[in-house]
């Protein structure tokens, strides 16, 4: 997107503090770093609400940059996007999770056609999201997302 800022959330191993799968034992993930490339491999569980995520070793402040920042990545198999959401988590106690349907932000496919290409503007994420405590969404209400303290991706 023109005028967008690029931030390498998973650029180096030191940026990832913790990885997790929910429910515990339902999936696997690993990270591979080679030169300037970072890959996040995820094997998802089949249970409803299964997810994988990472928490960052430092917070990211997008409060003032949200309007011009895009979360961009490639994924395969691209057909899986219709069943997935992508989410961000703030560093509050409890935290707030905001997410959007991934398929809504497909921008194309790579040259070989195997990878889907996605670009999710941060302004597309809602201002409020589910409260999460110990990685369990609280469906009782919504809390405001703290865009100055982004601590996780899932």
N, C-alpha and C. Protein backbone atom coordinates (compact mmCIF):
# COMPACT_ATOMS: atom_id res chain seq x y z
N UNK A 1 0.84 -1.18 0.00
CA UNK A 1 0.00 0.00 0.00
C UNK A 1 0.89 1.23 0.00
N UNK A 2 0.55 2.20 -0.81
CA UNK A 2 1.34 3.42 -0.90
C UNK A 2 1.37 4.15 0.43
N UNK A 3 2.56 4.61 0.81
CA UNK A 3 2.71 5.36 2.04
C UNK A 3 2.68 4.51 3.30
N UNK A 4 2.68 3.19 3.16
CA UNK A 4 2.62 2.31 4.32
C UNK A 4 3.99 2.15 4.96
N UNK A 5 3.98 1.93 6.25
CA UNK A 5 5.21 1.65 6.98
C UNK A 5 5.40 0.15 7.08
N UNK A 6 6.63 -0.32 6.94
CA UNK A 6 6.92 -1.73 7.08
C UNK A 6 7.65 -1.96 8.40
N UNK A 7 7.19 -2.94 9.15
CA UNK A 7 7.82 -3.30 10.40
C UNK A 7 8.01 -4.81 10.39
N UNK A 8 9.23 -5.26 10.62
CA UNK A 8 9.53 -6.69 10.61
C UNK A 8 9.30 -7.25 12.01
N UNK A 9 8.07 -7.68 12.29
CA UNK A 9 7.71 -8.16 13.62
C UNK A 9 8.49 -9.39 14.03
N UNK A 10 8.83 -10.23 13.09
CA UNK A 10 9.55 -11.47 13.40
C UNK A 10 10.93 -11.48 12.76
N UNK A 11 11.56 -10.32 12.66
CA UNK A 11 12.81 -10.18 11.92
C UNK A 11 13.97 -10.97 12.50
N UNK A 12 14.08 -11.05 13.79
CA UNK A 12 15.20 -11.74 14.43
C UNK A 12 14.68 -12.56 15.61
N UNK A 13 15.37 -13.63 15.96
CA UNK A 13 14.90 -14.48 17.06
C UNK A 13 14.67 -13.73 18.37
N UNK A 14 15.46 -12.71 18.64
CA UNK A 14 15.32 -11.99 19.89
C UNK A 14 14.01 -11.24 20.06
N UNK A 15 13.25 -11.05 18.98
CA UNK A 15 11.98 -10.34 19.07
C UNK A 15 10.85 -11.22 19.58
N UNK A 16 11.04 -12.54 19.53
CA UNK A 16 10.01 -13.47 19.99
C UNK A 16 10.34 -13.90 21.41
N UNK A 17 9.45 -13.56 22.35
CA UNK A 17 9.66 -13.93 23.75
C UNK A 17 9.10 -15.31 24.04
N UNK A 18 7.92 -15.60 23.48
CA UNK A 18 7.24 -16.85 23.80
C UNK A 18 6.36 -17.24 22.64
N UNK A 19 6.20 -18.52 22.42
CA UNK A 19 5.26 -19.03 21.44
C UNK A 19 4.28 -19.94 22.16
N UNK A 20 3.07 -20.05 21.63
CA UNK A 20 2.07 -20.88 22.29
C UNK A 20 1.06 -21.41 21.29
N UNK A 21 0.46 -22.53 21.64
CA UNK A 21 -0.66 -23.12 20.89
C UNK A 21 -1.78 -23.35 21.89
N UNK A 22 -3.01 -23.15 21.45
CA UNK A 22 -4.17 -23.35 22.31
C UNK A 22 -5.17 -24.21 21.56
N UNK A 23 -5.78 -25.18 22.20
CA UNK A 23 -5.46 -25.71 23.53
C UNK A 23 -4.06 -26.31 23.55
N UNK A 24 -3.47 -26.37 24.73
CA UNK A 24 -2.12 -26.89 24.88
C UNK A 24 -2.01 -28.27 24.25
N UNK A 25 -0.97 -28.49 23.47
CA UNK A 25 -0.75 -29.77 22.82
C UNK A 25 -1.54 -29.97 21.54
N UNK A 26 -2.33 -28.97 21.12
CA UNK A 26 -3.19 -29.14 19.95
C UNK A 26 -2.50 -28.80 18.64
N UNK A 27 -1.35 -28.21 18.69
CA UNK A 27 -0.67 -27.82 17.47
C UNK A 27 0.82 -27.71 17.71
N UNK A 28 1.52 -27.36 16.65
CA UNK A 28 2.96 -27.17 16.74
C UNK A 28 3.31 -25.95 15.92
N UNK A 29 4.40 -25.30 16.31
CA UNK A 29 4.91 -24.20 15.50
C UNK A 29 6.42 -24.12 15.69
N UNK A 30 7.07 -23.59 14.67
CA UNK A 30 8.48 -23.30 14.79
C UNK A 30 8.82 -22.13 13.89
N UNK A 31 9.96 -21.53 14.16
CA UNK A 31 10.41 -20.36 13.43
C UNK A 31 11.74 -20.69 12.76
N UNK A 32 11.92 -20.15 11.57
CA UNK A 32 13.16 -20.33 10.83
C UNK A 32 13.61 -18.95 10.36
N UNK A 33 14.85 -18.61 10.70
CA UNK A 33 15.42 -17.34 10.25
C UNK A 33 16.60 -17.63 9.35
N UNK A 34 16.58 -17.06 8.16
CA UNK A 34 17.69 -17.17 7.21
C UNK A 34 17.93 -15.80 6.60
N UNK A 35 19.06 -15.22 6.90
CA UNK A 35 19.37 -13.90 6.36
C UNK A 35 18.29 -12.91 6.74
N UNK A 36 17.63 -12.32 5.75
CA UNK A 36 16.59 -11.32 5.99
C UNK A 36 15.19 -11.93 6.04
N UNK A 37 15.08 -13.25 5.85
CA UNK A 37 13.78 -13.91 5.82
C UNK A 37 13.46 -14.57 7.16
N UNK A 38 12.22 -14.47 7.55
CA UNK A 38 11.73 -15.16 8.74
C UNK A 38 10.51 -15.98 8.31
N UNK A 39 10.45 -17.22 8.76
CA UNK A 39 9.31 -18.08 8.43
C UNK A 39 8.72 -18.60 9.73
N UNK A 40 7.39 -18.61 9.77
CA UNK A 40 6.65 -19.10 10.93
C UNK A 40 5.84 -20.29 10.44
N UNK A 41 6.22 -21.49 10.83
CA UNK A 41 5.54 -22.72 10.42
C UNK A 41 4.56 -23.10 11.54
N UNK A 42 3.30 -23.33 11.16
CA UNK A 42 2.27 -23.66 12.15
C UNK A 42 1.50 -24.89 11.69
N UNK A 43 1.34 -25.83 12.59
CA UNK A 43 0.46 -26.98 12.39
C UNK A 43 -0.68 -26.80 13.38
N UNK A 44 -1.86 -26.48 12.87
CA UNK A 44 -3.00 -26.14 13.73
C UNK A 44 -3.74 -27.39 14.21
N UNK A 45 -4.31 -27.27 15.41
CA UNK A 45 -5.18 -28.31 15.93
C UNK A 45 -6.53 -28.26 15.22
N UNK A 46 -7.31 -29.29 15.37
CA UNK A 46 -8.62 -29.36 14.71
C UNK A 46 -9.76 -28.87 15.57
N UNK A 47 -9.49 -28.58 16.82
CA UNK A 47 -10.55 -28.15 17.73
C UNK A 47 -10.98 -26.72 17.41
N UNK A 48 -12.24 -26.46 17.67
CA UNK A 48 -12.77 -25.12 17.48
C UNK A 48 -11.99 -24.16 18.38
N UNK A 49 -11.71 -22.99 17.89
CA UNK A 49 -10.97 -21.93 18.61
C UNK A 49 -9.50 -22.27 18.81
N UNK A 50 -8.97 -23.27 18.09
CA UNK A 50 -7.54 -23.53 18.15
C UNK A 50 -6.79 -22.35 17.55
N UNK A 51 -5.67 -22.03 18.13
CA UNK A 51 -4.85 -20.96 17.58
C UNK A 51 -3.41 -21.09 18.03
N UNK A 52 -2.55 -20.40 17.31
CA UNK A 52 -1.14 -20.33 17.65
C UNK A 52 -0.78 -18.86 17.69
N UNK A 53 0.21 -18.54 18.48
CA UNK A 53 0.60 -17.14 18.57
C UNK A 53 1.98 -16.97 19.14
N UNK A 54 2.41 -15.72 19.13
CA UNK A 54 3.69 -15.34 19.73
C UNK A 54 3.48 -14.09 20.57
N UNK A 55 4.29 -13.98 21.60
CA UNK A 55 4.38 -12.71 22.32
C UNK A 55 5.77 -12.16 22.02
N UNK A 56 5.84 -10.86 21.91
CA UNK A 56 7.10 -10.19 21.56
C UNK A 56 7.89 -9.86 22.81
N UNK A 57 9.20 -9.78 22.67
CA UNK A 57 10.06 -9.46 23.81
C UNK A 57 9.96 -7.98 24.17
N UNK A 58 9.46 -7.16 23.28
CA UNK A 58 9.25 -5.73 23.55
C UNK A 58 7.91 -5.34 22.93
N UNK A 59 7.33 -4.27 23.41
CA UNK A 59 6.05 -3.83 22.84
C UNK A 59 6.30 -2.94 21.64
N UNK A 60 5.30 -2.88 20.77
CA UNK A 60 5.33 -2.01 19.59
C UNK A 60 4.28 -0.93 19.79
N UNK A 61 4.65 0.29 19.47
CA UNK A 61 3.74 1.43 19.62
C UNK A 61 3.22 1.84 18.24
N UNK A 62 1.94 1.54 17.97
CA UNK A 62 1.32 1.91 16.70
C UNK A 62 0.22 2.95 16.90
N UNK A 63 0.15 3.54 18.06
CA UNK A 63 -0.90 4.51 18.35
C UNK A 63 -0.94 5.61 17.28
N UNK A 64 0.18 6.19 16.96
CA UNK A 64 0.21 7.28 15.98
C UNK A 64 0.43 6.78 14.56
N UNK A 65 0.90 5.53 14.39
CA UNK A 65 1.22 4.99 13.06
C UNK A 65 0.15 4.05 12.53
N UNK A 66 -0.91 3.84 13.28
CA UNK A 66 -1.91 2.84 12.91
C UNK A 66 -2.54 3.11 11.54
N UNK A 67 -2.77 4.37 11.22
CA UNK A 67 -3.44 4.72 9.96
C UNK A 67 -2.63 4.35 8.72
N UNK A 68 -1.31 4.25 8.87
CA UNK A 68 -0.47 4.01 7.69
C UNK A 68 0.36 2.73 7.78
N UNK A 69 0.06 1.85 8.73
CA UNK A 69 0.83 0.63 8.90
C UNK A 69 0.01 -0.58 8.46
N UNK A 70 0.68 -1.51 7.80
CA UNK A 70 0.04 -2.70 7.25
C UNK A 70 0.77 -3.94 7.75
N UNK A 71 0.02 -4.94 8.19
CA UNK A 71 0.57 -6.25 8.53
C UNK A 71 0.54 -7.06 7.24
N UNK A 72 1.71 -7.33 6.66
CA UNK A 72 1.78 -7.99 5.35
C UNK A 72 2.58 -9.28 5.48
N UNK A 73 2.09 -10.33 4.79
CA UNK A 73 2.77 -11.62 4.84
C UNK A 73 2.24 -12.53 3.74
N UNK A 74 2.92 -13.67 3.58
CA UNK A 74 2.49 -14.72 2.65
C UNK A 74 2.14 -15.95 3.48
N UNK A 75 1.24 -16.79 2.95
CA UNK A 75 0.82 -17.98 3.67
C UNK A 75 0.45 -19.08 2.67
N UNK A 76 0.75 -20.31 3.06
CA UNK A 76 0.26 -21.44 2.27
C UNK A 76 -0.20 -22.53 3.22
N UNK A 77 -1.16 -23.33 2.89
CA UNK A 77 -1.94 -23.22 1.66
C UNK A 77 -2.88 -22.02 1.74
N UNK A 78 -2.98 -21.31 0.67
CA UNK A 78 -3.77 -20.07 0.66
C UNK A 78 -5.27 -20.33 0.85
N UNK A 79 -5.73 -21.54 0.53
CA UNK A 79 -7.14 -21.88 0.70
C UNK A 79 -7.55 -21.88 2.17
N UNK A 80 -6.60 -22.03 3.06
CA UNK A 80 -6.88 -22.04 4.49
C UNK A 80 -7.32 -20.68 5.02
N UNK A 81 -7.00 -19.62 4.31
CA UNK A 81 -7.31 -18.26 4.77
C UNK A 81 -8.80 -18.06 5.04
N UNK A 82 -9.66 -18.75 4.30
CA UNK A 82 -11.10 -18.56 4.50
C UNK A 82 -11.57 -19.04 5.86
N UNK A 83 -10.74 -19.81 6.56
CA UNK A 83 -11.10 -20.34 7.87
C UNK A 83 -10.35 -19.69 9.02
N UNK A 84 -9.51 -18.70 8.72
CA UNK A 84 -8.65 -18.12 9.76
C UNK A 84 -8.91 -16.65 10.00
N UNK A 85 -8.65 -16.24 11.23
CA UNK A 85 -8.58 -14.83 11.59
C UNK A 85 -7.12 -14.52 11.90
N UNK A 86 -6.73 -13.28 11.75
CA UNK A 86 -5.43 -12.82 12.21
C UNK A 86 -5.69 -11.81 13.31
N UNK A 87 -4.92 -11.90 14.39
CA UNK A 87 -5.20 -11.03 15.53
C UNK A 87 -3.95 -10.42 16.13
N UNK A 88 -4.16 -9.33 16.84
CA UNK A 88 -3.12 -8.65 17.61
C UNK A 88 -3.57 -8.59 19.06
N UNK A 89 -2.61 -8.66 19.97
CA UNK A 89 -2.90 -8.64 21.40
C UNK A 89 -2.09 -7.52 22.04
N UNK A 90 -2.74 -6.73 22.90
CA UNK A 90 -1.99 -5.70 23.60
C UNK A 90 -1.38 -6.26 24.88
N UNK A 91 -0.58 -5.45 25.55
CA UNK A 91 0.13 -5.90 26.73
C UNK A 91 -0.57 -5.61 28.04
N UNK A 92 -1.86 -5.30 28.00
CA UNK A 92 -2.60 -5.03 29.22
C UNK A 92 -2.76 -6.26 30.09
N UNK A 93 -3.09 -6.06 31.32
CA UNK A 93 -3.38 -7.15 32.27
C UNK A 93 -4.78 -6.94 32.80
N UNK A 94 -5.81 -7.58 32.30
CA UNK A 94 -5.78 -8.57 31.23
C UNK A 94 -5.55 -7.91 29.87
N UNK A 95 -5.22 -8.71 28.88
CA UNK A 95 -4.96 -8.20 27.55
C UNK A 95 -6.22 -8.08 26.72
N UNK A 96 -6.08 -7.43 25.59
CA UNK A 96 -7.17 -7.27 24.64
C UNK A 96 -6.75 -7.88 23.31
N UNK A 97 -7.63 -8.67 22.73
CA UNK A 97 -7.40 -9.30 21.43
C UNK A 97 -8.34 -8.67 20.41
N UNK A 98 -7.78 -8.16 19.31
CA UNK A 98 -8.58 -7.69 18.18
C UNK A 98 -8.21 -8.56 16.98
N UNK A 99 -9.21 -8.98 16.22
CA UNK A 99 -8.92 -9.81 15.07
C UNK A 99 -9.85 -9.50 13.91
N UNK A 100 -9.43 -9.93 12.71
CA UNK A 100 -10.20 -9.75 11.49
C UNK A 100 -10.10 -11.03 10.67
N UNK A 101 -11.09 -11.29 9.81
CA UNK A 101 -11.03 -12.48 8.94
C UNK A 101 -9.90 -12.32 7.91
N UNK A 102 -9.00 -13.27 7.86
CA UNK A 102 -7.84 -13.17 6.98
C UNK A 102 -8.24 -13.11 5.50
N UNK A 103 -9.22 -13.87 5.10
CA UNK A 103 -9.61 -13.92 3.68
C UNK A 103 -10.01 -12.56 3.13
N UNK A 104 -10.48 -11.66 3.99
CA UNK A 104 -10.89 -10.33 3.54
C UNK A 104 -9.71 -9.48 3.07
N UNK A 105 -8.49 -9.90 3.37
CA UNK A 105 -7.32 -9.08 3.07
C UNK A 105 -6.33 -9.76 2.13
N UNK A 106 -6.83 -10.73 1.35
CA UNK A 106 -6.00 -11.35 0.32
C UNK A 106 -5.75 -10.33 -0.77
N UNK A 107 -4.49 -10.18 -1.17
CA UNK A 107 -4.16 -9.22 -2.23
C UNK A 107 -3.68 -9.91 -3.49
N UNK A 108 -3.53 -11.22 -3.44
CA UNK A 108 -3.09 -11.95 -4.63
C UNK A 108 -2.39 -13.23 -4.26
N UNK A 109 -1.66 -13.78 -5.25
CA UNK A 109 -0.88 -14.98 -5.05
C UNK A 109 0.52 -14.73 -5.57
N UNK A 110 1.48 -15.53 -5.11
CA UNK A 110 2.85 -15.37 -5.59
C UNK A 110 2.96 -15.91 -7.01
N UNK A 111 4.13 -15.78 -7.59
CA UNK A 111 4.36 -16.17 -8.99
C UNK A 111 4.03 -17.63 -9.23
N UNK A 112 4.37 -18.51 -8.29
CA UNK A 112 4.09 -19.94 -8.47
C UNK A 112 2.64 -20.29 -8.15
N UNK A 113 1.89 -19.40 -7.52
CA UNK A 113 0.50 -19.66 -7.20
C UNK A 113 0.27 -20.47 -5.94
N UNK A 114 1.34 -20.82 -5.22
CA UNK A 114 1.19 -21.65 -4.03
C UNK A 114 0.91 -20.82 -2.77
N UNK A 115 1.46 -19.65 -2.72
CA UNK A 115 1.35 -18.80 -1.53
C UNK A 115 0.30 -17.72 -1.75
N UNK A 116 -0.55 -17.52 -0.74
CA UNK A 116 -1.44 -16.37 -0.75
C UNK A 116 -0.70 -15.17 -0.19
N UNK A 117 -1.00 -14.00 -0.70
CA UNK A 117 -0.37 -12.76 -0.24
C UNK A 117 -1.45 -11.93 0.45
N UNK A 118 -1.13 -11.42 1.64
CA UNK A 118 -2.12 -10.73 2.48
C UNK A 118 -1.57 -9.40 2.96
N UNK A 119 -2.43 -8.41 3.05
CA UNK A 119 -2.06 -7.10 3.57
C UNK A 119 -3.23 -6.59 4.40
N UNK A 120 -3.04 -6.55 5.72
CA UNK A 120 -4.10 -6.13 6.64
C UNK A 120 -3.72 -4.78 7.23
N UNK A 121 -4.41 -3.71 6.82
CA UNK A 121 -4.12 -2.41 7.43
C UNK A 121 -4.47 -2.45 8.92
N UNK A 122 -3.61 -1.90 9.76
CA UNK A 122 -3.92 -1.90 11.19
C UNK A 122 -5.21 -1.16 11.48
N UNK A 123 -5.56 -0.18 10.65
CA UNK A 123 -6.82 0.54 10.86
C UNK A 123 -8.04 -0.34 10.61
N UNK A 124 -7.84 -1.53 9.98
CA UNK A 124 -8.95 -2.46 9.76
C UNK A 124 -9.32 -3.22 11.04
N UNK A 125 -8.38 -3.32 11.98
CA UNK A 125 -8.67 -3.99 13.24
C UNK A 125 -9.59 -3.10 14.07
N UNK A 126 -10.52 -3.68 14.81
CA UNK A 126 -11.44 -2.86 15.61
C UNK A 126 -10.73 -2.14 16.75
N UNK A 127 -11.37 -1.09 17.25
CA UNK A 127 -10.83 -0.32 18.38
C UNK A 127 -11.00 -1.07 19.69
N UNK A 128 -11.95 -1.99 19.74
CA UNK A 128 -12.19 -2.78 20.95
C UNK A 128 -12.14 -4.26 20.60
N UNK A 129 -11.79 -5.07 21.60
CA UNK A 129 -11.72 -6.50 21.36
C UNK A 129 -12.01 -7.28 22.61
N UNK A 130 -11.89 -8.59 22.49
CA UNK A 130 -12.17 -9.50 23.60
C UNK A 130 -11.09 -9.39 24.65
N UNK A 131 -11.49 -9.43 25.90
CA UNK A 131 -10.55 -9.48 27.01
C UNK A 131 -10.00 -10.89 27.09
N UNK A 132 -8.69 -11.01 27.19
CA UNK A 132 -8.10 -12.34 27.32
C UNK A 132 -7.26 -12.42 28.60
N UNK A 133 -7.46 -13.49 29.30
CA UNK A 133 -6.73 -13.79 30.52
C UNK A 133 -6.19 -15.20 30.39
N UNK A 134 -4.91 -15.36 30.55
CA UNK A 134 -4.28 -16.67 30.37
C UNK A 134 -4.71 -17.31 29.06
N UNK A 135 -4.78 -16.48 28.03
CA UNK A 135 -5.08 -16.90 26.68
C UNK A 135 -6.50 -17.42 26.47
N UNK A 136 -7.43 -17.09 27.35
CA UNK A 136 -8.82 -17.46 27.17
C UNK A 136 -9.64 -16.20 26.91
N UNK A 137 -10.28 -16.08 25.74
CA UNK A 137 -11.10 -14.91 25.49
C UNK A 137 -12.28 -14.84 26.46
N UNK A 138 -12.54 -13.66 26.94
CA UNK A 138 -13.68 -13.42 27.81
C UNK A 138 -14.79 -12.86 26.94
N UNK A 139 -15.86 -13.61 26.78
CA UNK A 139 -16.95 -13.17 25.91
C UNK A 139 -17.95 -12.29 26.63
N UNK A 140 -17.65 -11.92 27.86
CA UNK A 140 -18.59 -11.10 28.64
C UNK A 140 -18.56 -9.63 28.24
N UNK A 141 -17.54 -9.19 27.55
CA UNK A 141 -17.50 -7.78 27.19
C UNK A 141 -16.27 -7.44 26.37
N UNK A 142 -16.24 -6.20 25.95
CA UNK A 142 -15.14 -5.72 25.13
C UNK A 142 -14.32 -4.71 25.92
N UNK A 143 -13.03 -4.63 25.59
CA UNK A 143 -12.16 -3.63 26.18
C UNK A 143 -11.45 -2.89 25.05
N UNK A 144 -11.00 -1.69 25.33
CA UNK A 144 -10.29 -0.88 24.33
C UNK A 144 -8.89 -1.45 24.09
N UNK A 145 -8.53 -1.51 22.82
CA UNK A 145 -7.20 -1.97 22.44
C UNK A 145 -6.20 -0.85 22.73
N UNK A 146 -5.08 -1.19 23.34
CA UNK A 146 -4.02 -0.22 23.60
C UNK A 146 -3.02 -0.30 22.46
N UNK A 147 -3.19 0.56 21.47
CA UNK A 147 -2.36 0.54 20.27
C UNK A 147 -0.93 1.02 20.54
N UNK A 148 -0.67 1.52 21.72
CA UNK A 148 0.70 1.93 22.06
C UNK A 148 1.47 0.80 22.74
N UNK A 149 0.84 -0.38 22.88
CA UNK A 149 1.46 -1.47 23.62
C UNK A 149 1.11 -2.83 22.99
N UNK A 150 1.46 -3.02 21.71
CA UNK A 150 1.17 -4.28 21.02
C UNK A 150 2.23 -5.29 21.43
N UNK A 151 1.78 -6.43 21.99
CA UNK A 151 2.70 -7.43 22.53
C UNK A 151 2.58 -8.80 21.89
N UNK A 152 1.59 -9.01 21.00
CA UNK A 152 1.45 -10.34 20.46
C UNK A 152 0.75 -10.39 19.11
N UNK A 153 0.95 -11.49 18.43
CA UNK A 153 0.36 -11.76 17.12
C UNK A 153 -0.17 -13.18 17.15
N UNK A 154 -1.38 -13.37 16.61
CA UNK A 154 -1.91 -14.73 16.46
C UNK A 154 -2.94 -14.80 15.37
